Amino acid sequence: MLLAVQSHIRKDFVHVLNQLKPVVREIILIAVGCIVFTYGMNAVMIPARLFSGGLAGIAIIIGYQVPSIDLGMLYLLLNVPLIVLGWVFISRRFIAYTILGTAFFSLAASLLRPKAVILADPLLAALLGGVICGFGCGLILKSIGSAGGLDILAIYLNRRFGIRVGTVAFAANASVIIAGGWMLDLNLALYSIILLFTCGWVTNAVVSGFNARMALIIVSDKSDIIARELLGKFNRGVTFLNGEGGFSKRPKRVILAVTTVTEVPKIKEMIFATDPKAFVVINNTFEVLGQRHGAIKVY
């Protein structure tokens, strides 16, 4: 009887641990990402008088105008109305993690005081700050939350009015850059654009795992031969999709495959050597998840 109770308790404990693992992972990603971002902000960006986009950029610009203000507290206050908006109109789970991320970011911005990295060339400061902040931002975005900011507003406007998230992000960043150029210095605003671009590139690389993939959609009358080559010569999984020619009304077996950037030229050469009339679409993929299952027929 005692052994049965112990076994039951052990199973419950393991179950609780398995439930907590994803939560702990999300918290660690958000916390580490916030620390890395604020390190780049306080050590590189601010000493060079550069600024980022979004609410962080707004807080930094205000901080330049009012040096006595606490940047972390200001960022937290700017986020309060957006968090309320997100709590009411967006996923409460997402906002719960976002509240956590905003708190981590604000604390790190207030407490983390690293030694300033002084670079003579503002371009180098923009590149270094973009790399560090982009790495931190990428870690945050690998979680299911965020560190607050205008992402909440972008999601709300997308759901409420159908405005694209990218459009809102671009408009917000452009507004911050214009404001910074007007209030501070045009040269610093231009260097900040380089910082934003670098930050965005590194963020995408971190989220996608520094492992870019290309998705291939191949329409050919010799799809079986091409699929065998992909499976055998290139060791790439292949999925067959059933299609139909819009004009001819003939059935088509469409190939879907994912490969690396470096293999694309060789695969294109193989495809058109097999079927010069093949139709090929090649897309950049942001992220590829799941296991390879070899040849799969999808109906």
C-alpha atoms as a PDB file:
ATOM      1  CA  MET A   1       0.000   0.000   0.000  1.00  0.00           C
ATOM      2  CA  LEU A   2       2.784   2.407   0.945  1.00  0.00           C
ATOM      3  CA  LEU A   3       4.650   1.638  -2.277  1.00  0.00           C
ATOM      4  CA  ALA A   4       1.525   2.371  -4.313  1.00  0.00           C
ATOM      5  CA  VAL A   5       1.086   5.737  -2.585  1.00  0.00           C
ATOM      6  CA  GLN A   6       4.754   6.607  -3.142  1.00  0.00           C
ATOM      7  CA  SER A   7       4.464   5.637  -6.798  1.00  0.00           C
ATOM      8  CA  HIS A   8       1.359   7.805  -7.192  1.00  0.00           C
ATOM      9  CA  ILE A   9       3.075  10.773  -5.509  1.00  0.00           C
ATOM     10  CA  ARG A  10       6.117  10.304  -7.741  1.00  0.00           C
ATOM     11  CA  LYS A  11       3.954  10.295 -10.877  1.00  0.00           C
ATOM     12  CA  ASP A  12       2.156  13.441  -9.739  1.00  0.00           C
ATOM     13  CA  PHE A  13       5.491  15.130  -9.044  1.00  0.00           C
ATOM     14  CA  VAL A  14       6.837  14.201 -12.488  1.00  0.00           C
ATOM     15  CA  HIS A  15       3.612  15.445 -14.072  1.00  0.00           C
ATOM     16  CA  VAL A  16       3.913  18.791 -12.286  1.00  0.00           C
ATOM     17  CA  LEU A  17       7.553  19.102 -13.377  1.00  0.00           C
ATOM     18  CA  ASN A  18       6.606  18.403 -16.989  1.00  0.00           C
ATOM     19  CA  GLN A  19       3.921  21.070 -16.768  1.00  0.00           C
ATOM     20  CA  LEU A  20       6.360  23.590 -15.294  1.00  0.00           C
ATOM     21  CA  LYS A  21       9.179  23.003 -17.798  1.00  0.00           C
ATOM     22  CA  PRO A  22       7.635  25.085 -20.612  1.00  0.00           C
ATOM     23  CA  VAL A  23       6.806  27.894 -18.181  1.00  0.00           C
ATOM     24  CA  VAL A  24      10.349  27.937 -16.779  1.00  0.00           C
ATOM     25  CA  ARG A  25      11.731  27.940 -20.341  1.00  0.00           C
ATOM     26  CA  GLU A  26       9.613  30.954 -21.289  1.00  0.00           C
ATOM     27  CA  ILE A  27      10.622  32.849 -18.145  1.00  0.00           C
ATOM     28  CA  ILE A  28      14.328  32.132 -18.703  1.00  0.00           C
ATOM     29  CA  LEU A  29      14.164  33.242 -22.358  1.00  0.00           C
ATOM     30  CA  ILE A  30      12.390  36.475 -21.439  1.00  0.00           C
ATOM     31  CA  ALA A  31      14.662  37.241 -18.479  1.00  0.00           C
ATOM     32  CA  VAL A  32      17.939  36.537 -20.294  1.00  0.00           C
ATOM     33  CA  GLY A  33      16.732  38.383 -23.392  1.00  0.00           C
ATOM     34  CA  CYS A  34      15.836  41.464 -21.347  1.00  0.00           C
ATOM     35  CA  ILE A  35      19.213  41.434 -19.609  1.00  0.00           C
ATOM     36  CA  VAL A  36      21.112  41.133 -22.903  1.00  0.00           C
ATOM     37  CA  PHE A  37      19.055  43.878 -24.567  1.00  0.00           C
ATOM     38  CA  THR A  38      19.413  46.310 -21.682  1.00  0.00           C
ATOM     39  CA  TYR A  39      23.149  45.592 -21.518  1.00  0.00           C
ATOM     40  CA  GLY A  40      23.495  46.626 -25.156  1.00  0.00           C
ATOM     41  CA  MET A  41      21.275  49.626 -24.514  1.00  0.00           C
ATOM     42  CA  ASN A  42      23.113  50.885 -21.416  1.00  0.00           C
ATOM     43  CA  ALA A  43      26.648  49.920 -22.455  1.00  0.00           C
ATOM     44  CA  VAL A  44      26.653  50.802 -26.160  1.00  0.00           C
ATOM     45  CA  MET A  45      23.514  52.563 -27.363  1.00  0.00           C
ATOM     46  CA  ILE A  46      23.089  55.258 -24.728  1.00  0.00           C
ATOM     47  CA  PRO A  47      26.807  56.221 -24.416  1.00  0.00           C
ATOM     48  CA  ALA A  48      26.772  56.775 -28.206  1.00  0.00           C
ATOM     49  CA  ARG A  49      23.472  58.699 -27.866  1.00  0.00           C
ATOM     50  CA  LEU A  50      21.749  56.323 -30.272  1.00  0.00           C
ATOM     51  CA  PHE A  51      18.207  55.061 -29.837  1.00  0.00           C
ATOM     52  CA  SER A  52      16.056  52.118 -30.860  1.00  0.00           C
ATOM     53  CA  GLY A  53      12.486  51.989 -32.115  1.00  0.00           C
ATOM     54  CA  GLY A  54       9.210  51.505 -30.300  1.00  0.00           C
ATOM     55  CA  LEU A  55       8.566  52.418 -26.682  1.00  0.00           C
ATOM     56  CA  ALA A  56      12.184  51.733 -25.727  1.00  0.00           C
ATOM     57  CA  GLY A  57      13.272  54.332 -28.273  1.00  0.00           C
ATOM     58  CA  ILE A  58      10.705  56.827 -26.972  1.00  0.00           C
ATOM     59  CA  ALA A  59      11.915  56.253 -23.408  1.00  0.00           C
ATOM     60  CA  ILE A  60      15.559  56.709 -24.469  1.00  0.00           C
ATOM     61  CA  ILE A  61      14.834  59.984 -26.308  1.00  0.00           C
ATOM     62  CA  ILE A  62      12.920  61.332 -23.293  1.00  0.00           C
ATOM     63  CA  GLY A  63      15.828  60.205 -21.110  1.00  0.00           C
ATOM     64  CA  TYR A  64      18.237  62.239 -23.231  1.00  0.00           C
ATOM     65  CA  GLN A  65      16.043  65.304 -22.714  1.00  0.00           C
ATOM     66  CA  VAL A  66      15.529  64.651 -18.979  1.00  0.00           C
ATOM     67  CA  PRO A  67      18.712  62.911 -17.725  1.00  0.00           C
ATOM     68  CA  SER A  68      17.413  62.642 -14.167  1.00  0.00           C
ATOM     69  CA  ILE A  69      14.537  60.355 -15.124  1.00  0.00           C
ATOM     70  CA  ASP A  70      14.777  56.626 -14.435  1.00  0.00           C
ATOM     71  CA  LEU A  71      14.648  54.876 -17.817  1.00  0.00           C
ATOM     72  CA  GLY A  72      13.303  51.600 -16.457  1.00  0.00           C
ATOM     73  CA  MET A  73      10.462  53.248 -14.560  1.00  0.00           C
ATOM     74  CA  LEU A  74       9.603  55.428 -17.553  1.00  0.00           C
ATOM     75  CA  TYR A  75       9.440  52.376 -19.816  1.00  0.00           C
ATOM     76  CA  LEU A  76       7.174  50.614 -17.314  1.00  0.00           C
ATOM     77  CA  LEU A  77       4.802  53.594 -17.117  1.00  0.00           C
ATOM     78  CA  LEU A  78       4.620  53.873 -20.916  1.00  0.00           C
ATOM     79  CA  ASN A  79       3.623  50.214 -21.092  1.00  0.00           C
ATOM     80  CA  VAL A  80       0.786  50.364 -18.559  1.00  0.00           C
ATOM     81  CA  PRO A  81      -1.996  51.553 -20.940  1.00  0.00           C
ATOM     82  CA  LEU A  82      -0.884  49.065 -23.620  1.00  0.00           C
ATOM     83  CA  ILE A  83      -0.883  46.183 -21.129  1.00  0.00           C
ATOM     84  CA  VAL A  84      -4.426  47.104 -20.069  1.00  0.00           C
ATOM     85  CA  LEU A  85      -5.433  47.214 -23.742  1.00  0.00           C
ATOM     86  CA  GLY A  86      -3.875  43.820 -24.371  1.00  0.00           C
ATOM     87  CA  TRP A  87      -5.409  42.283 -21.251  1.00  0.00           C
ATOM     88  CA  VAL A  88      -8.893  43.275 -22.404  1.00  0.00           C
ATOM     89  CA  PHE A  89      -8.650  42.593 -26.135  1.00  0.00           C
ATOM     90  CA  ILE A  90      -5.770  40.103 -26.636  1.00  0.00           C
ATOM     91  CA  SER A  91      -4.754  36.764 -25.134  1.00  0.00           C
ATOM     92  CA  ARG A  92      -4.392  37.027 -21.367  1.00  0.00           C
ATOM     93  CA  ARG A  93      -1.740  34.311 -21.404  1.00  0.00           C
ATOM     94  CA  PHE A  94       0.354  36.388 -23.815  1.00  0.00           C
ATOM     95  CA  ILE A  95      -0.169  39.515 -21.722  1.00  0.00           C
ATOM     96  CA  ALA A  96       0.743  37.662 -18.517  1.00  0.00           C
ATOM     97  CA  TYR A  97       4.129  36.780 -19.995  1.00  0.00           C
ATOM     98  CA  THR A  98       4.382  40.315 -21.390  1.00  0.00           C
ATOM     99  CA  ILE A  99       3.836  41.794 -17.912  1.00  0.00           C
ATOM    100  CA  LEU A 100       6.646  39.561 -16.689  1.00  0.00           C
ATOM    101  CA  GLY A 101       8.852  40.652 -19.594  1.00  0.00           C
ATOM    102  CA  THR A 102       8.079  44.333 -19.034  1.00  0.00           C
ATOM    103  CA  ALA A 103       8.951  43.985 -15.355  1.00  0.00           C
ATOM    104  CA  PHE A 104      12.239  42.206 -16.175  1.00  0.00           C
ATOM    105  CA  PHE A 105      13.120  44.841 -18.772  1.00  0.00           C
ATOM    106  CA  SER A 106      12.322  47.743 -16.454  1.00  0.00           C
ATOM    107  CA  LEU A 107      14.308  46.257 -13.575  1.00  0.00           C
ATOM    108  CA  ALA A 108      17.275  45.469 -15.813  1.00  0.00           C
ATOM    109  CA  ALA A 109      17.208  48.962 -17.340  1.00  0.00           C
ATOM    110  CA  SER A 110      17.168  50.522 -13.864  1.00  0.00           C
ATOM    111  CA  LEU A 111      19.638  48.238 -12.085  1.00  0.00           C
ATOM    112  CA  LEU A 112      22.065  47.113 -14.785  1.00  0.00           C
ATOM    113  CA  ARG A 113      24.863  49.663 -15.011  1.00  0.00           C
ATOM    114  CA  PRO A 114      27.609  48.110 -17.142  1.00  0.00           C
ATOM    115  CA  LYS A 115      30.829  49.851 -18.056  1.00  0.00           C
ATOM    116  CA  ALA A 116      30.269  52.002 -21.134  1.00  0.00           C
ATOM    117  CA  VAL A 117      31.750  50.689 -24.369  1.00  0.00           C
ATOM    118  CA  ILE A 118      33.094  53.862 -25.980  1.00  0.00           C
ATOM    119  CA  LEU A 119      33.711  53.602 -29.704  1.00  0.00           C
ATOM    120  CA  ALA A 120      35.154  56.478 -31.706  1.00  0.00           C
ATOM    121  CA  ASP A 121      33.080  55.666 -34.786  1.00  0.00           C
ATOM    122  CA  PRO A 122      29.274  55.906 -34.281  1.00  0.00           C
ATOM    123  CA  LEU A 123      28.860  53.374 -37.099  1.00  0.00           C
ATOM    124  CA  LEU A 124      30.696  50.754 -35.060  1.00  0.00           C
ATOM    125  CA  ALA A 125      28.538  51.618 -32.043  1.00  0.00           C
ATOM    126  CA  ALA A 126      25.401  51.199 -34.162  1.00  0.00           C
ATOM    127  CA  LEU A 127      26.562  47.804 -35.437  1.00  0.00           C
ATOM    128  CA  LEU A 128      27.671  46.524 -32.027  1.00  0.00           C
ATOM    129  CA  GLY A 129      24.550  47.836 -30.288  1.00  0.00           C
ATOM    130  CA  GLY A 130      22.372  46.293 -32.995  1.00  0.00           C
ATOM    131  CA  VAL A 131      24.030  42.894 -32.627  1.00  0.00           C
ATOM    132  CA  ILE A 132      23.725  42.814 -28.819  1.00  0.00           C
ATOM    133  CA  CYS A 133      20.192  44.211 -28.669  1.00  0.00           C
ATOM    134  CA  GLY A 134      19.086  42.024 -31.582  1.00  0.00           C
ATOM    135  CA  PHE A 135      20.359  38.931 -29.799  1.00  0.00           C
ATOM    136  CA  GLY A 136      18.425  39.884 -26.679  1.00  0.00           C
ATOM    137  CA  CYS A 137      15.297  40.700 -28.658  1.00  0.00           C
ATOM    138  CA  GLY A 138      15.563  37.372 -30.481  1.00  0.00           C
ATOM    139  CA  LEU A 139      15.660  35.463 -27.196  1.00  0.00           C
ATOM    140  CA  ILE A 140      12.550  37.298 -26.024  1.00  0.00           C
ATOM    141  CA  LEU A 141      10.688  36.582 -29.272  1.00  0.00           C
ATOM    142  CA  LYS A 142      11.552  32.872 -29.040  1.00  0.00           C
ATOM    143  CA  SER A 143       9.239  32.839 -26.033  1.00  0.00           C
ATOM    144  CA  ILE A 144       5.460  33.195 -26.274  1.00  0.00           C
ATOM    145  CA  GLY A 145       5.541  36.590 -24.581  1.00  0.00           C
ATOM    146  CA  SER A 146       7.319  39.874 -25.141  1.00  0.00           C
ATOM    147  CA  ALA A 147       8.963  42.701 -23.236  1.00  0.00           C
ATOM    148  CA  GLY A 148       6.040  45.008 -23.860  1.00  0.00           C
ATOM    149  CA  GLY A 149       6.183  47.911 -26.251  1.00  0.00           C
ATOM    150  CA  LEU A 150       4.185  48.726 -29.339  1.00  0.00           C
ATOM    151  CA  ASP A 151       3.828  45.060 -30.361  1.00  0.00           C
ATOM    152  CA  ILE A 152       0.686  44.983 -28.218  1.00  0.00           C
ATOM    153  CA  LEU A 153      -0.769  47.961 -30.089  1.00  0.00           C
ATOM    154  CA  ALA A 154       0.174  46.377 -33.433  1.00  0.00           C
ATOM    155  CA  ILE A 155      -1.628  43.130 -32.564  1.00  0.00           C
ATOM    156  CA  TYR A 156      -4.705  45.027 -31.350  1.00  0.00           C
ATOM    157  CA  LEU A 157      -4.926  47.180 -34.495  1.00  0.00           C
ATOM    158  CA  ASN A 158      -4.505  44.078 -36.636  1.00  0.00           C
ATOM    159  CA  ARG A 159      -7.368  42.256 -34.929  1.00  0.00           C
ATOM    160  CA  ARG A 160      -9.621  45.297 -34.642  1.00  0.00           C
ATOM    161  CA  PHE A 161      -9.089  47.025 -37.995  1.00  0.00           C
ATOM    162  CA  GLY A 162      -7.096  44.534 -40.080  1.00  0.00           C
ATOM    163  CA  ILE A 163      -3.996  46.763 -40.194  1.00  0.00           C
ATOM    164  CA  ARG A 164      -0.885  44.692 -40.785  1.00  0.00           C
ATOM    165  CA  VAL A 165       1.453  44.256 -37.830  1.00  0.00           C
ATOM    166  CA  GLY A 166       4.451  45.117 -40.023  1.00  0.00           C
ATOM    167  CA  THR A 167       2.808  48.364 -41.113  1.00  0.00           C
ATOM    168  CA  VAL A 168       2.269  49.459 -37.511  1.00  0.00           C
ATOM    169  CA  ALA A 169       5.835  48.482 -36.560  1.00  0.00           C
ATOM    170  CA  PHE A 170       7.279  50.394 -39.518  1.00  0.00           C
ATOM    171  CA  ALA A 171       5.180  53.480 -38.778  1.00  0.00           C
ATOM    172  CA  ALA A 172       6.124  53.391 -35.082  1.00  0.00           C
ATOM    173  CA  ASN A 173       9.842  52.996 -35.758  1.00  0.00           C
ATOM    174  CA  ALA A 174       9.781  55.673 -38.466  1.00  0.00           C
ATOM    175  CA  SER A 175       8.025  58.074 -36.094  1.00  0.00           C
ATOM    176  CA  VAL A 176      10.635  57.483 -33.386  1.00  0.00           C
ATOM    177  CA  ILE A 177      13.487  58.004 -35.851  1.00  0.00           C
ATOM    178  CA  ILE A 178      11.936  61.238 -37.174  1.00  0.00           C
ATOM    179  CA  ALA A 179      11.345  62.492 -33.622  1.00  0.00           C
ATOM    180  CA  GLY A 180      14.916  61.613 -32.653  1.00  0.00           C
ATOM    181  CA  GLY A 181      16.313  63.363 -35.700  1.00  0.00           C
ATOM    182  CA  TRP A 182      14.296  66.474 -34.922  1.00  0.00           C
ATOM    183  CA  MET A 183      14.912  66.566 -31.159  1.00  0.00           C
ATOM    184  CA  LEU A 184      18.502  65.312 -31.059  1.00  0.00           C
ATOM    185  CA  ASP A 185      20.601  65.132 -34.194  1.00  0.00           C
ATOM    186  CA  LEU A 186      19.960  63.988 -37.770  1.00  0.00           C
ATOM    187  CA  ASN A 187      23.292  62.142 -37.962  1.00  0.00           C
ATOM    188  CA  LEU A 188      22.481  60.172 -34.811  1.00  0.00           C
ATOM    189  CA  ALA A 189      19.052  59.353 -36.244  1.00  0.00           C
ATOM    190  CA  LEU A 190      20.665  57.954 -39.390  1.00  0.00           C
ATOM    191  CA  TYR A 191      23.096  55.873 -37.344  1.00  0.00           C
ATOM    192  CA  SER A 192      20.114  54.665 -35.318  1.00  0.00           C
ATOM    193  CA  ILE A 193      18.525  53.393 -38.554  1.00  0.00           C
ATOM    194  CA  ILE A 194      21.623  51.240 -39.047  1.00  0.00           C
ATOM    195  CA  LEU A 195      21.254  50.031 -35.457  1.00  0.00           C
ATOM    196  CA  LEU A 196      17.600  49.128 -36.068  1.00  0.00           C
ATOM    197  CA  PHE A 197      18.413  47.294 -39.284  1.00  0.00           C
ATOM    198  CA  THR A 198      21.213  45.315 -37.620  1.00  0.00           C
ATOM    199  CA  CYS A 199      19.012  44.587 -34.613  1.00  0.00           C
ATOM    200  CA  GLY A 200      16.217  43.306 -36.858  1.00  0.00           C
ATOM    201  CA  TRP A 201      18.552  41.072 -38.859  1.00  0.00           C
ATOM    202  CA  VAL A 202      20.118  39.520 -35.761  1.00  0.00           C
ATOM    203  CA  THR A 203      16.672  39.100 -34.162  1.00  0.00           C
ATOM    204  CA  ASN A 204      15.430  37.131 -37.178  1.00  0.00           C
ATOM    205  CA  ALA A 205      18.607  35.036 -37.159  1.00  0.00           C
ATOM    206  CA  VAL A 206      18.196  34.162 -33.469  1.00  0.00           C
ATOM    207  CA  VAL A 207      14.506  33.315 -33.844  1.00  0.00           C
ATOM    208  CA  SER A 208      15.183  31.099 -36.863  1.00  0.00           C
ATOM    209  CA  GLY A 209      18.193  29.510 -35.152  1.00  0.00           C
ATOM    210  CA  PHE A 210      20.868  30.951 -37.472  1.00  0.00           C
ATOM    211  CA  ASN A 211      19.803  28.180 -39.831  1.00  0.00           C
ATOM    212  CA  ALA A 212      18.100  29.637 -42.874  1.00  0.00           C
ATOM    213  CA  ARG A 213      15.955  27.268 -44.919  1.00  0.00           C
ATOM    214  CA  MET A 214      14.373  27.540 -48.334  1.00  0.00           C
ATOM    215  CA  ALA A 215      10.983  26.056 -49.204  1.00  0.00           C
ATOM    216  CA  LEU A 216      10.632  24.597 -52.704  1.00  0.00           C
ATOM    217  CA  ILE A 217       7.337  24.144 -54.531  1.00  0.00           C
ATOM    218  CA  ILE A 218       7.885  22.185 -57.727  1.00  0.00           C
ATOM    219  CA  VAL A 219       5.254  21.530 -60.403  1.00  0.00           C
ATOM    220  CA  SER A 220       6.448  19.020 -62.992  1.00  0.00           C
ATOM    221  CA  ASP A 221       5.225  16.138 -65.131  1.00  0.00           C
ATOM    222  CA  LYS A 222       8.309  14.265 -63.906  1.00  0.00           C
ATOM    223  CA  SER A 223       7.698  14.796 -60.222  1.00  0.00           C
ATOM    224  CA  ASP A 224       8.448  11.160 -59.323  1.00  0.00           C
ATOM    225  CA  ILE A 225      11.951  11.366 -60.821  1.00  0.00           C
ATOM    226  CA  ILE A 226      12.649  14.727 -59.177  1.00  0.00           C
ATOM    227  CA  ALA A 227      11.377  13.418 -55.826  1.00  0.00           C
ATOM    228  CA  ARG A 228      13.678  10.391 -56.027  1.00  0.00           C
ATOM    229  CA  GLU A 229      16.631  12.697 -56.684  1.00  0.00           C
ATOM    230  CA  LEU A 230      15.721  14.904 -53.730  1.00  0.00           C
ATOM    231  CA  LEU A 231      15.345  11.883 -51.448  1.00  0.00           C
ATOM    232  CA  GLY A 232      18.412  10.000 -52.655  1.00  0.00           C
ATOM    233  CA  LYS A 233      21.019  12.478 -53.878  1.00  0.00           C
ATOM    234  CA  PHE A 234      20.177  15.410 -51.589  1.00  0.00           C
ATOM    235  CA  ASN A 235      18.709  13.481 -48.642  1.00  0.00           C
ATOM    236  CA  ARG A 236      15.744  15.862 -48.459  1.00  0.00           C
ATOM    237  CA  GLY A 237      12.243  14.930 -47.336  1.00  0.00           C
ATOM    238  CA  VAL A 238       9.536  15.286 -49.950  1.00  0.00           C
ATOM    239  CA  THR A 239       5.790  15.789 -49.650  1.00  0.00           C
ATOM    240  CA  PHE A 240       3.436  15.250 -52.615  1.00  0.00           C
ATOM    241  CA  LEU A 241       0.465  17.608 -52.883  1.00  0.00           C
ATOM    242  CA  ASN A 242      -2.371  16.864 -55.266  1.00  0.00           C
ATOM    243  CA  GLY A 243      -2.899  19.731 -57.699  1.00  0.00           C
ATOM    244  CA  GLU A 244      -4.704  20.444 -60.951  1.00  0.00           C
ATOM    245  CA  GLY A 245      -3.724  22.567 -63.920  1.00  0.00           C
ATOM    246  CA  GLY A 246      -5.925  25.654 -64.048  1.00  0.00           C
ATOM    247  CA  PHE A 247      -6.054  25.681 -67.868  1.00  0.00           C
ATOM    248  CA  SER A 248      -5.451  22.055 -68.807  1.00  0.00           C
ATOM    249  CA  LYS A 249      -7.474  20.622 -65.891  1.00  0.00           C
ATOM    250  CA  ARG A 250      -4.893  17.822 -65.771  1.00  0.00           C
ATOM    251  CA  PRO A 251      -3.946  16.406 -62.349  1.00  0.00           C
ATOM    252  CA  LYS A 252      -0.527  17.434 -61.072  1.00  0.00           C
ATOM    253  CA  ARG A 253       1.670  16.036 -58.315  1.00  0.00           C
ATOM    254  CA  VAL A 254       3.201  19.082 -56.661  1.00  0.00           C
ATOM    255  CA  ILE A 255       6.406  18.594 -54.680  1.00  0.00           C
ATOM    256  CA  LEU A 256       6.971  20.432 -51.408  1.00  0.00           C
ATOM    257  CA  ALA A 257      10.492  20.244 -49.980  1.00  0.00           C
ATOM    258  CA  VAL A 258      12.734  22.238 -47.659  1.00  0.00           C
ATOM    259  CA  THR A 259      16.469  22.647 -48.185  1.00  0.00           C
ATOM    260  CA  THR A 260      19.417  24.867 -47.302  1.00  0.00           C
ATOM    261  CA  VAL A 261      20.429  28.025 -49.141  1.00  0.00           C
ATOM    262  CA  THR A 262      23.671  26.474 -50.392  1.00  0.00           C
ATOM    263  CA  GLU A 263      21.880  23.496 -51.968  1.00  0.00           C
ATOM    264  CA  VAL A 264      19.377  25.565 -53.945  1.00  0.00           C
ATOM    265  CA  PRO A 265      21.579  26.071 -57.064  1.00  0.00           C
ATOM    266  CA  LYS A 266      22.367  22.341 -57.287  1.00  0.00           C
ATOM    267  CA  ILE A 267      18.710  21.406 -56.830  1.00  0.00           C
ATOM    268  CA  LYS A 268      17.601  23.892 -59.488  1.00  0.00           C
ATOM    269  CA  GLU A 269      20.175  22.448 -61.884  1.00  0.00           C
ATOM    270  CA  MET A 270      18.877  18.932 -61.209  1.00  0.00           C
ATOM    271  CA  ILE A 271      15.223  19.945 -61.636  1.00  0.00           C
ATOM    272  CA  PHE A 272      15.663  21.664 -64.998  1.00  0.00           C
ATOM    273  CA  ALA A 273      18.003  18.950 -66.259  1.00  0.00           C
ATOM    274  CA  THR A 274      15.214  16.477 -65.510  1.00  0.00           C
ATOM    275  CA  ASP A 275      12.338  18.638 -66.748  1.00  0.00           C
ATOM    276  CA  PRO A 276      13.137  21.899 -68.574  1.00  0.00           C
ATOM    277  CA  LYS A 277       9.433  22.822 -68.410  1.00  0.00           C
ATOM    278  CA  ALA A 278       9.190  22.492 -64.620  1.00  0.00           C
ATOM    279  CA  PHE A 279       7.647  25.339 -62.614  1.00  0.00           C
ATOM    280  CA  VAL A 280       9.562  26.117 -59.411  1.00  0.00           C
ATOM    281  CA  VAL A 281       8.788  28.532 -56.568  1.00  0.00           C
ATOM    282  CA  ILE A 282      11.509  29.186 -53.960  1.00  0.00           C
ATOM    283  CA  ASN A 283      10.626  30.959 -50.720  1.00  0.00           C
ATOM    284  CA  ASN A 284      12.625  32.054 -47.697  1.00  0.00           C
ATOM    285  CA  THR A 285      11.301  30.362 -44.587  1.00  0.00           C
ATOM    286  CA  PHE A 286      11.291  32.123 -41.237  1.00  0.00           C
ATOM    287  CA  GLU A 287      11.277  28.906 -39.225  1.00  0.00           C
ATOM    288  CA  VAL A 288      10.987  25.178 -39.906  1.00  0.00           C
ATOM    289  CA  LEU A 289       9.585  22.948 -37.170  1.00  0.00           C
ATOM    290  CA  GLY A 290       8.794  19.254 -36.866  1.00  0.00           C
ATOM    291  CA  GLN A 291      10.458  16.050 -37.967  1.00  0.00           C
ATOM    292  CA  ARG A 292      11.232  14.829 -41.432  1.00  0.00           C
ATOM    293  CA  HIS A 293       8.894  12.065 -42.500  1.00  0.00           C
ATOM    294  CA  GLY A 294      10.304  11.151 -45.911  1.00  0.00           C
ATOM    295  CA  ALA A 295       7.817  10.877 -48.760  1.00  0.00           C
ATOM    296  CA  ILE A 296       4.327  11.784 -47.588  1.00  0.00           C
ATOM    297  CA  LYS A 297       1.215  11.961 -49.694  1.00  0.00           C
ATOM    298  CA  VAL A 298      -1.233  14.665 -48.690  1.00  0.00           C
ATOM    299  CA  TYR A 299      -4.791  14.482 -49.986  1.00  0.00           C
END
